[in-house]
PDB file of all heavy atoms in Angstrom:
ATOM      1  N   PRO A   1       0.844  -1.198   0.000  1.00  0.00           N
ATOM      2  CA  PRO A   1       0.000   0.000   0.000  1.00  0.00           C
ATOM      3  C   PRO A   1       0.878   1.247   0.000  1.00  0.00           C
ATOM      4  O   PRO A   1       2.041   1.206   0.427  1.00  0.00           O
ATOM      5  CB  PRO A   1      -0.797  -0.111   1.307  1.00  0.00           C
ATOM      6  CG  PRO A   1      -0.619  -1.523   1.774  1.00  0.00           C
ATOM      7  CD  PRO A   1       0.682  -2.010   1.223  1.00  0.00           C
ATOM      8  N   ALA A   2       0.324   2.347  -0.438  1.00  0.00           N
ATOM      9  CA  ALA A   2       1.083   3.597  -0.450  1.00  0.00           C
ATOM     10  C   ALA A   2       1.393   4.030   0.983  1.00  0.00           C
ATOM     11  O   ALA A   2       0.568   3.853   1.888  1.00  0.00           O
ATOM     12  CB  ALA A   2       0.285   4.681  -1.166  1.00  0.00           C
ATOM     13  N   PRO A   3       2.559   4.585   1.229  1.00  0.00           N
ATOM     14  CA  PRO A   3       2.892   5.062   2.575  1.00  0.00           C
ATOM     15  C   PRO A   3       2.175   6.373   2.883  1.00  0.00           C
ATOM     16  O   PRO A   3       1.644   7.038   1.990  1.00  0.00           O
ATOM     17  CB  PRO A   3       4.409   5.265   2.499  1.00  0.00           C
ATOM     18  CG  PRO A   3       4.658   5.612   1.063  1.00  0.00           C
ATOM     19  CD  PRO A   3       3.668   4.796   0.270  1.00  0.00           C
ATOM     20  N   ARG A   4       2.170   6.716   4.142  1.00  0.00           N
ATOM     21  CA  ARG A   4       1.670   8.030   4.554  1.00  0.00           C
ATOM     22  C   ARG A   4       2.799   9.032   4.372  1.00  0.00           C
ATOM     23  O   ARG A   4       3.944   8.758   4.731  1.00  0.00           O
ATOM     24  CB  ARG A   4       1.235   7.982   6.027  1.00  0.00           C
ATOM     25  CG  ARG A   4       0.759   9.327   6.583  1.00  0.00           C
ATOM     26  CD  ARG A   4       0.286   9.172   8.026  1.00  0.00           C
ATOM     27  NE  ARG A   4       1.371   8.740   8.890  1.00  0.00           N
ATOM     28  CZ  ARG A   4       2.246   9.581   9.456  1.00  0.00           C
ATOM     29  NH1 ARG A   4       2.195  10.881   9.207  1.00  0.00           N
ATOM     30  NH2 ARG A   4       3.193   9.105  10.249  1.00  0.00           N
ATOM     31  N   ARG A   5       2.503  10.184   3.833  1.00  0.00           N
ATOM     32  CA  ARG A   5       3.555  11.155   3.528  1.00  0.00           C
ATOM     33  C   ARG A   5       3.414  12.403   4.386  1.00  0.00           C
ATOM     34  O   ARG A   5       2.315  12.905   4.608  1.00  0.00           O
ATOM     35  CB  ARG A   5       3.526  11.530   2.048  1.00  0.00           C
ATOM     36  CG  ARG A   5       3.997  10.398   1.150  1.00  0.00           C
ATOM     37  CD  ARG A   5       4.369  10.892  -0.237  1.00  0.00           C
ATOM     38  NE  ARG A   5       5.015   9.838  -1.006  1.00  0.00           N
ATOM     39  CZ  ARG A   5       6.303   9.574  -0.992  1.00  0.00           C
ATOM     40  NH1 ARG A   5       7.115  10.307  -0.248  1.00  0.00           N
ATOM     41  NH2 ARG A   5       6.810   8.601  -1.717  1.00  0.00           N
ATOM     42  N   GLU A   6       4.549  12.847   4.879  1.00  0.00           N
ATOM     43  CA  GLU A   6       4.667  14.132   5.548  1.00  0.00           C
ATOM     44  C   GLU A   6       5.740  14.912   4.803  1.00  0.00           C
ATOM     45  O   GLU A   6       6.940  14.671   4.990  1.00  0.00           O
ATOM     46  CB  GLU A   6       5.044  13.961   7.017  1.00  0.00           C
ATOM     47  CG  GLU A   6       3.929  13.413   7.888  1.00  0.00           C
ATOM     48  CD  GLU A   6       4.324  13.352   9.359  1.00  0.00           C
ATOM     49  OE1 GLU A   6       5.493  13.717   9.672  1.00  0.00           O
ATOM     50  OE2 GLU A   6       3.483  12.952  10.177  1.00  0.00           O
ATOM     51  N   GLY A   7       5.297  15.796   3.923  1.00  0.00           N
ATOM     52  CA  GLY A   7       6.260  16.489   3.072  1.00  0.00           C
ATOM     53  C   GLY A   7       6.930  15.499   2.140  1.00  0.00           C
ATOM     54  O   GLY A   7       6.278  14.778   1.395  1.00  0.00           O
ATOM     55  N   ARG A   8       8.244  15.428   2.233  1.00  0.00           N
ATOM     56  CA  ARG A   8       8.994  14.510   1.378  1.00  0.00           C
ATOM     57  C   ARG A   8       9.299  13.191   2.072  1.00  0.00           C
ATOM     58  O   ARG A   8       9.962  12.332   1.491  1.00  0.00           O
ATOM     59  CB  ARG A   8      10.310  15.181   0.948  1.00  0.00           C
ATOM     60  CG  ARG A   8      10.098  16.480   0.167  1.00  0.00           C
ATOM     61  CD  ARG A   8      11.407  17.087  -0.271  1.00  0.00           C
ATOM     62  NE  ARG A   8      12.131  16.211  -1.186  1.00  0.00           N
ATOM     63  CZ  ARG A   8      13.336  16.497  -1.696  1.00  0.00           C
ATOM     64  NH1 ARG A   8      13.938  17.623  -1.365  1.00  0.00           N
ATOM     65  NH2 ARG A   8      13.919  15.651  -2.517  1.00  0.00           N
ATOM     66  N   ILE A   9       8.835  13.036   3.295  1.00  0.00           N
ATOM     67  CA  ILE A   9       9.130  11.820   4.066  1.00  0.00           C
ATOM     68  C   ILE A   9       7.966  10.843   3.932  1.00  0.00           C
ATOM     69  O   ILE A   9       6.799  11.206   4.151  1.00  0.00           O
ATOM     70  CB  ILE A   9       9.378  12.136   5.548  1.00  0.00           C
ATOM     71  CG1 ILE A   9      10.552  13.113   5.691  1.00  0.00           C
ATOM     72  CG2 ILE A   9       9.640  10.850   6.325  1.00  0.00           C
ATOM     73  CD1 ILE A   9      10.801  13.542   7.123  1.00  0.00           C
ATOM     74  N   ALA A  10       8.268   9.600   3.572  1.00  0.00           N
ATOM     75  CA  ALA A  10       7.273   8.532   3.493  1.00  0.00           C
ATOM     76  C   ALA A  10       7.330   7.713   4.777  1.00  0.00           C
ATOM     77  O   ALA A  10       8.410   7.254   5.171  1.00  0.00           O
ATOM     78  CB  ALA A  10       7.540   7.648   2.284  1.00  0.00           C
ATOM     79  N   TRP A  11       6.181   7.536   5.413  1.00  0.00           N
ATOM     80  CA  TRP A  11       6.105   6.775   6.649  1.00  0.00           C
ATOM     81  C   TRP A  11       5.321   5.485   6.409  1.00  0.00           C
ATOM     82  O   TRP A  11       4.250   5.491   5.808  1.00  0.00           O
ATOM     83  CB  TRP A  11       5.415   7.582   7.748  1.00  0.00           C
ATOM     84  CG  TRP A  11       6.228   8.738   8.247  1.00  0.00           C
ATOM     85  CD1 TRP A  11       6.058  10.053   7.958  1.00  0.00           C
ATOM     86  CD2 TRP A  11       7.342   8.669   9.140  1.00  0.00           C
ATOM     87  NE1 TRP A  11       6.992  10.819   8.594  1.00  0.00           N
ATOM     88  CE2 TRP A  11       7.801   9.994   9.345  1.00  0.00           C
ATOM     89  CE3 TRP A  11       8.005   7.621   9.788  1.00  0.00           C
ATOM     90  CZ2 TRP A  11       8.882  10.306  10.159  1.00  0.00           C
ATOM     91  CZ3 TRP A  11       9.084   7.922  10.596  1.00  0.00           C
ATOM     92  CH2 TRP A  11       9.514   9.248  10.780  1.00  0.00           C
ATOM     93  N   TYR A  12       5.874   4.388   6.919  1.00  0.00           N
ATOM     94  CA  TYR A  12       5.240   3.075   6.814  1.00  0.00           C
ATOM     95  C   TYR A  12       4.861   2.605   8.214  1.00  0.00           C
ATOM     96  O   TYR A  12       5.479   2.986   9.211  1.00  0.00           O
ATOM     97  CB  TYR A  12       6.195   2.063   6.183  1.00  0.00           C
ATOM     98  CG  TYR A  12       6.629   2.420   4.783  1.00  0.00           C
ATOM     99  CD1 TYR A  12       7.706   3.278   4.565  1.00  0.00           C
ATOM    100  CD2 TYR A  12       5.967   1.908   3.675  1.00  0.00           C
ATOM    101  CE1 TYR A  12       8.115   3.612   3.281  1.00  0.00           C
ATOM    102  CE2 TYR A  12       6.366   2.230   2.389  1.00  0.00           C
ATOM    103  CZ  TYR A  12       7.439   3.083   2.202  1.00  0.00           C
ATOM    104  OH  TYR A  12       7.828   3.407   0.932  1.00  0.00           O
ATOM    105  N   GLY A  13       3.837   1.739   8.289  1.00  0.00           N
ATOM    106  CA  GLY A  13       3.377   1.252   9.583  1.00  0.00           C
ATOM    107  C   GLY A  13       3.351  -0.263   9.657  1.00  0.00           C
ATOM    108  O   GLY A  13       3.796  -0.962   8.734  1.00  0.00           O
ATOM    109  N   PRO A  14       2.811  -0.822  10.755  1.00  0.00           N
ATOM    110  CA  PRO A  14       2.734  -2.275  10.929  1.00  0.00           C
ATOM    111  C   PRO A  14       2.050  -3.004   9.778  1.00  0.00           C
ATOM    112  O   PRO A  14       2.469  -4.112   9.435  1.00  0.00           O
ATOM    113  CB  PRO A  14       1.957  -2.424  12.242  1.00  0.00           C
ATOM    114  CG  PRO A  14       2.285  -1.175  12.997  1.00  0.00           C
ATOM    115  CD  PRO A  14       2.363  -0.086  11.962  1.00  0.00           C
ATOM    116  N   PRO A  15       0.985  -2.456   9.142  1.00  0.00           N
ATOM    117  CA  PRO A  15       0.393  -3.181   8.009  1.00  0.00           C
ATOM    118  C   PRO A  15       1.381  -3.402   6.863  1.00  0.00           C
ATOM    119  O   PRO A  15       1.327  -4.435   6.193  1.00  0.00           O
ATOM    120  CB  PRO A  15      -0.775  -2.283   7.581  1.00  0.00           C
ATOM    121  CG  PRO A  15      -1.144  -1.527   8.810  1.00  0.00           C
ATOM    122  CD  PRO A  15       0.161  -1.271   9.499  1.00  0.00           C
ATOM    123  N   HIS A  16       2.284  -2.443   6.639  1.00  0.00           N
ATOM    124  CA  HIS A  16       3.283  -2.608   5.584  1.00  0.00           C
ATOM    125  C   HIS A  16       4.261  -3.729   5.947  1.00  0.00           C
ATOM    126  O   HIS A  16       4.633  -4.544   5.096  1.00  0.00           O
ATOM    127  CB  HIS A  16       4.048  -1.304   5.367  1.00  0.00           C
ATOM    128  CG  HIS A  16       3.211  -0.187   4.836  1.00  0.00           C
ATOM    129  ND1 HIS A  16       2.603   0.737   5.662  1.00  0.00           N
ATOM    130  CD2 HIS A  16       2.856   0.156   3.563  1.00  0.00           C
ATOM    131  CE1 HIS A  16       1.926   1.607   4.929  1.00  0.00           C
ATOM    132  NE2 HIS A  16       2.058   1.280   3.655  1.00  0.00           N
ATOM    133  N   LEU A  17       4.656  -3.767   7.227  1.00  0.00           N
ATOM    134  CA  LEU A  17       5.567  -4.823   7.663  1.00  0.00           C
ATOM    135  C   LEU A  17       4.886  -6.185   7.564  1.00  0.00           C
ATOM    136  O   LEU A  17       5.498  -7.172   7.121  1.00  0.00           O
ATOM    137  CB  LEU A  17       6.031  -4.560   9.095  1.00  0.00           C
ATOM    138  CG  LEU A  17       7.026  -5.567   9.682  1.00  0.00           C
ATOM    139  CD1 LEU A  17       8.287  -5.661   8.828  1.00  0.00           C
ATOM    140  CD2 LEU A  17       7.390  -5.178  11.118  1.00  0.00           C
ATOM    141  N   ALA A  18       3.603  -6.254   7.965  1.00  0.00           N
ATOM    142  CA  ALA A  18       2.861  -7.514   7.848  1.00  0.00           C
ATOM    143  C   ALA A  18       2.762  -7.964   6.395  1.00  0.00           C
ATOM    144  O   ALA A  18       2.903  -9.151   6.080  1.00  0.00           O
ATOM    145  CB  ALA A  18       1.474  -7.358   8.451  1.00  0.00           C
ATOM    146  N   ARG A  19       2.547  -7.003   5.479  1.00  0.00           N
ATOM    147  CA  ARG A  19       2.464  -7.352   4.064  1.00  0.00           C
ATOM    148  C   ARG A  19       3.796  -7.912   3.559  1.00  0.00           C
ATOM    149  O   ARG A  19       3.828  -8.912   2.817  1.00  0.00           O
ATOM    150  CB  ARG A  19       2.067  -6.117   3.261  1.00  0.00           C
ATOM    151  CG  ARG A  19       2.028  -6.312   1.747  1.00  0.00           C
ATOM    152  CD  ARG A  19       0.942  -7.275   1.314  1.00  0.00           C
ATOM    153  NE  ARG A  19      -0.379  -6.820   1.668  1.00  0.00           N
ATOM    154  CZ  ARG A  19      -1.087  -5.944   0.965  1.00  0.00           C
ATOM    155  NH1 ARG A  19      -0.601  -5.413  -0.147  1.00  0.00           N
ATOM    156  NH2 ARG A  19      -2.300  -5.610   1.361  1.00  0.00           N
ATOM    157  N   LEU A  20       4.905  -7.297   3.968  1.00  0.00           N
ATOM    158  CA  LEU A  20       6.216  -7.786   3.542  1.00  0.00           C
ATOM    159  C   LEU A  20       6.470  -9.202   4.068  1.00  0.00           C
ATOM    160  O   LEU A  20       7.057 -10.039   3.365  1.00  0.00           O
ATOM    161  CB  LEU A  20       7.318  -6.837   4.013  1.00  0.00           C
ATOM    162  CG  LEU A  20       7.369  -5.482   3.305  1.00  0.00           C
ATOM    163  CD1 LEU A  20       8.381  -4.563   3.990  1.00  0.00           C
ATOM    164  CD2 LEU A  20       7.723  -5.648   1.826  1.00  0.00           C
ATOM    165  N   ARG A  21       6.035  -9.472   5.277  1.00  0.00           N
ATOM    166  CA  ARG A  21       6.223 -10.822   5.829  1.00  0.00           C
ATOM    167  C   ARG A  21       5.338 -11.830   5.116  1.00  0.00           C
ATOM    168  O   ARG A  21       5.713 -12.993   4.939  1.00  0.00           O
ATOM    169  CB  ARG A  21       5.946 -10.794   7.331  1.00  0.00           C
ATOM    170  CG  ARG A  21       7.059 -10.080   8.107  1.00  0.00           C
ATOM    171  CD  ARG A  21       6.739  -9.908   9.576  1.00  0.00           C
ATOM    172  NE  ARG A  21       7.897  -9.363  10.292  1.00  0.00           N
ATOM    173  CZ  ARG A  21       7.846  -8.844  11.506  1.00  0.00           C
ATOM    174  NH1 ARG A  21       6.684  -8.804  12.154  1.00  0.00           N
ATOM    175  NH2 ARG A  21       8.925  -8.369  12.089  1.00  0.00           N
ATOM    176  N   THR A  22       4.146 -11.387   4.706  1.00  0.00           N
ATOM    177  CA  THR A  22       3.280 -12.261   3.917  1.00  0.00           C
ATOM    178  C   THR A  22       3.931 -12.586   2.576  1.00  0.00           C
ATOM    179  O   THR A  22       3.919 -13.739   2.129  1.00  0.00           O
ATOM    180  CB  THR A  22       1.915 -11.583   3.686  1.00  0.00           C
ATOM    181  OG1 THR A  22       1.282 -11.391   4.949  1.00  0.00           O
ATOM    182  CG2 THR A  22       1.022 -12.440   2.808  1.00  0.00           C
ATOM    183  N   ILE A  23       4.490 -11.575   1.927  1.00  0.00           N
ATOM    184  CA  ILE A  23       5.170 -11.796   0.650  1.00  0.00           C
ATOM    185  C   ILE A  23       6.315 -12.791   0.833  1.00  0.00           C
ATOM    186  O   ILE A  23       6.491 -13.720   0.031  1.00  0.00           O
ATOM    187  CB  ILE A  23       5.695 -10.457   0.092  1.00  0.00           C
ATOM    188  CG1 ILE A  23       4.518  -9.561  -0.311  1.00  0.00           C
ATOM    189  CG2 ILE A  23       6.620 -10.688  -1.097  1.00  0.00           C
ATOM    190  CD1 ILE A  23       4.927  -8.135  -0.639  1.00  0.00           C
ATOM    191  N   ALA A  24       7.091 -12.620   1.909  1.00  0.00           N
ATOM    192  CA  ALA A  24       8.209 -13.534   2.160  1.00  0.00           C
ATOM    193  C   ALA A  24       7.710 -14.965   2.359  1.00  0.00           C
ATOM    194  O   ALA A  24       8.301 -15.922   1.844  1.00  0.00           O
ATOM    195  CB  ALA A  24       8.995 -13.069   3.382  1.00  0.00           C
ATOM    196  N   ALA A  25       6.596 -15.128   3.101  1.00  0.00           N
ATOM    197  CA  ALA A  25       6.054 -16.470   3.343  1.00  0.00           C
ATOM    198  C   ALA A  25       5.594 -17.115   2.047  1.00  0.00           C
ATOM    199  O   ALA A  25       5.815 -18.311   1.814  1.00  0.00           O
ATOM    200  CB  ALA A  25       4.900 -16.393   4.346  1.00  0.00           C
ATOM    201  N   LEU A  26       4.937 -16.334   1.186  1.00  0.00           N
ATOM    202  CA  LEU A  26       4.459 -16.880  -0.082  1.00  0.00           C
ATOM    203  C   LEU A  26       5.621 -17.223  -1.009  1.00  0.00           C
ATOM    204  O   LEU A  26       5.580 -18.224  -1.731  1.00  0.00           O
ATOM    205  CB  LEU A  26       3.509 -15.890  -0.752  1.00  0.00           C
ATOM    206  CG  LEU A  26       2.156 -15.710  -0.047  1.00  0.00           C
ATOM    207  CD1 LEU A  26       1.377 -14.557  -0.656  1.00  0.00           C
ATOM    208  CD2 LEU A  26       1.335 -16.992  -0.104  1.00  0.00           C
ATOM    209  N   LEU A  27       6.666 -16.406  -0.996  1.00  0.00           N
ATOM    210  CA  LEU A  27       7.850 -16.726  -1.802  1.00  0.00           C
ATOM    211  C   LEU A  27       8.480 -18.030  -1.332  1.00  0.00           C
ATOM    212  O   LEU A  27       8.917 -18.854  -2.147  1.00  0.00           O
ATOM    213  CB  LEU A  27       8.872 -15.582  -1.725  1.00  0.00           C
ATOM    214  CG  LEU A  27       8.517 -14.303  -2.483  1.00  0.00           C
ATOM    215  CD1 LEU A  27       9.518 -13.198  -2.144  1.00  0.00           C
ATOM    216  CD2 LEU A  27       8.505 -14.552  -3.995  1.00  0.00           C
ATOM    217  N   GLU A  28       8.519 -18.235  -0.014  1.00  0.00           N
ATOM    218  CA  GLU A  28       9.076 -19.472   0.529  1.00  0.00           C
ATOM    219  C   GLU A  28       8.245 -20.679   0.116  1.00  0.00           C
ATOM    220  O   GLU A  28       8.764 -21.794   0.007  1.00  0.00           O
ATOM    221  CB  GLU A  28       9.151 -19.392   2.061  1.00  0.00           C
ATOM    222  CG  GLU A  28      10.240 -18.452   2.557  1.00  0.00           C
ATOM    223  CD  GLU A  28      10.253 -18.361   4.068  1.00  0.00           C
ATOM    224  OE1 GLU A  28       9.432 -19.057   4.714  1.00  0.00           O
ATOM    225  OE2 GLU A  28      11.063 -17.587   4.603  1.00  0.00           O
ATOM    226  N   ARG A  29       6.950 -20.479  -0.119  1.00  0.00           N
ATOM    227  CA  ARG A  29       6.075 -21.579  -0.539  1.00  0.00           C
ATOM    228  C   ARG A  29       6.151 -21.827  -2.039  1.00  0.00           C
ATOM    229  O   ARG A  29       5.433 -22.659  -2.566  1.00  0.00           O
ATOM    230  CB  ARG A  29       4.628 -21.265  -0.143  1.00  0.00           C
ATOM    231  CG  ARG A  29       4.402 -21.262   1.368  1.00  0.00           C
ATOM    232  CD  ARG A  29       3.016 -20.721   1.715  1.00  0.00           C
ATOM    233  NE  ARG A  29       1.969 -21.580   1.214  1.00  0.00           N
ATOM    234  CZ  ARG A  29       1.464 -22.627   1.878  1.00  0.00           C
ATOM    235  NH1 ARG A  29       1.933 -22.930   3.064  1.00  0.00           N
ATOM    236  NH2 ARG A  29       0.505 -23.352   1.348  1.00  0.00           N
ATOM    237  N   GLY A  30       7.009 -21.062  -2.737  1.00  0.00           N
ATOM    238  CA  GLY A  30       7.237 -21.322  -4.151  1.00  0.00           C
ATOM    239  C   GLY A  30       6.442 -20.461  -5.099  1.00  0.00           C
ATOM    240  O   GLY A  30       6.461 -20.692  -6.309  1.00  0.00           O
ATOM    241  N   HIS A  31       5.742 -19.447  -4.601  1.00  0.00           N
ATOM    242  CA  HIS A  31       4.953 -18.588  -5.471  1.00  0.00           C
ATOM    243  C   HIS A  31       5.839 -17.521  -6.113  1.00  0.00           C
ATOM    244  O   HIS A  31       6.821 -17.072  -5.527  1.00  0.00           O
ATOM    245  CB  HIS A  31       3.823 -17.917  -4.687  1.00  0.00           C
ATOM    246  CG  HIS A  31       2.848 -18.895  -4.107  1.00  0.00           C
ATOM    247  ND1 HIS A  31       1.972 -19.607  -4.883  1.00  0.00           N
ATOM    248  CD2 HIS A  31       2.643 -19.295  -2.829  1.00  0.00           C
ATOM    249  CE1 HIS A  31       1.240 -20.406  -4.102  1.00  0.00           C
ATOM    250  NE2 HIS A  31       1.642 -20.233  -2.860  1.00  0.00           N
ATOM    251  N   THR A  32       5.467 -17.101  -7.299  1.00  0.00           N
ATOM    252  CA  THR A  32       6.177 -16.037  -7.991  1.00  0.00           C
ATOM    253  C   THR A  32       5.640 -14.691  -7.548  1.00  0.00           C
ATOM    254  O   THR A  32       4.529 -14.587  -7.012  1.00  0.00           O
ATOM    255  CB  THR A  32       6.012 -16.167  -9.514  1.00  0.00           C
ATOM    256  OG1 THR A  32       4.625 -15.959  -9.840  1.00  0.00           O
ATOM    257  CG2 THR A  32       6.446 -17.549  -9.990  1.00  0.00           C
ATOM    258  N   LEU A  33       6.411 -13.642  -7.806  1.00  0.00           N
ATOM    259  CA  LEU A  33       5.936 -12.308  -7.478  1.00  0.00           C
ATOM    260  C   LEU A  33       4.685 -11.960  -8.282  1.00  0.00           C
ATOM    261  O   LEU A  33       3.797 -11.264  -7.800  1.00  0.00           O
ATOM    262  CB  LEU A  33       7.033 -11.276  -7.727  1.00  0.00           C
ATOM    263  CG  LEU A  33       8.152 -11.234  -6.682  1.00  0.00           C
ATOM    264  CD1 LEU A  33       9.225 -10.241  -7.108  1.00  0.00           C
ATOM    265  CD2 LEU A  33       7.610 -10.862  -5.313  1.00  0.00           C
ATOM    266  N   GLY A  34       4.612 -12.460  -9.521  1.00  0.00           N
ATOM    267  CA  GLY A  34       3.409 -12.231 -10.315  1.00  0.00           C
ATOM    268  C   GLY A  34       2.184 -12.856  -9.678  1.00  0.00           C
ATOM    269  O   GLY A  34       1.114 -12.241  -9.634  1.00  0.00           O
ATOM    270  N   GLY A  35       2.322 -14.080  -9.185  1.00  0.00           N
ATOM    271  CA  GLY A  35       1.207 -14.741  -8.518  1.00  0.00           C
ATOM    272  C   GLY A  35       0.820 -14.038  -7.230  1.00  0.00           C
ATOM    273  O   GLY A  35      -0.365 -13.925  -6.897  1.00  0.00           O
ATOM    274  N   ILE A  36       1.836 -13.571  -6.491  1.00  0.00           N
ATOM    275  CA  ILE A  36       1.560 -12.850  -5.245  1.00  0.00           C
ATOM    276  C   ILE A  36       0.823 -11.545  -5.550  1.00  0.00           C
ATOM    277  O   ILE A  36      -0.125 -11.168  -4.852  1.00  0.00           O
ATOM    278  CB  ILE A  36       2.867 -12.587  -4.479  1.00  0.00           C
ATOM    279  CG1 ILE A  36       3.487 -13.922  -4.025  1.00  0.00           C
ATOM    280  CG2 ILE A  36       2.613 -11.693  -3.266  1.00  0.00           C
ATOM    281  CD1 ILE A  36       4.879 -13.787  -3.466  1.00  0.00           C
TER     282      ILE A  36
END
């Protein structure tokens, strides 16, 4: 998802970290980035 922006600074939160961990888990299960 798009980050929250304050001026030129992009801020990420726990949902972004959870999404990255989900992507890592799916990659470990053999899925492609296209499938993800």
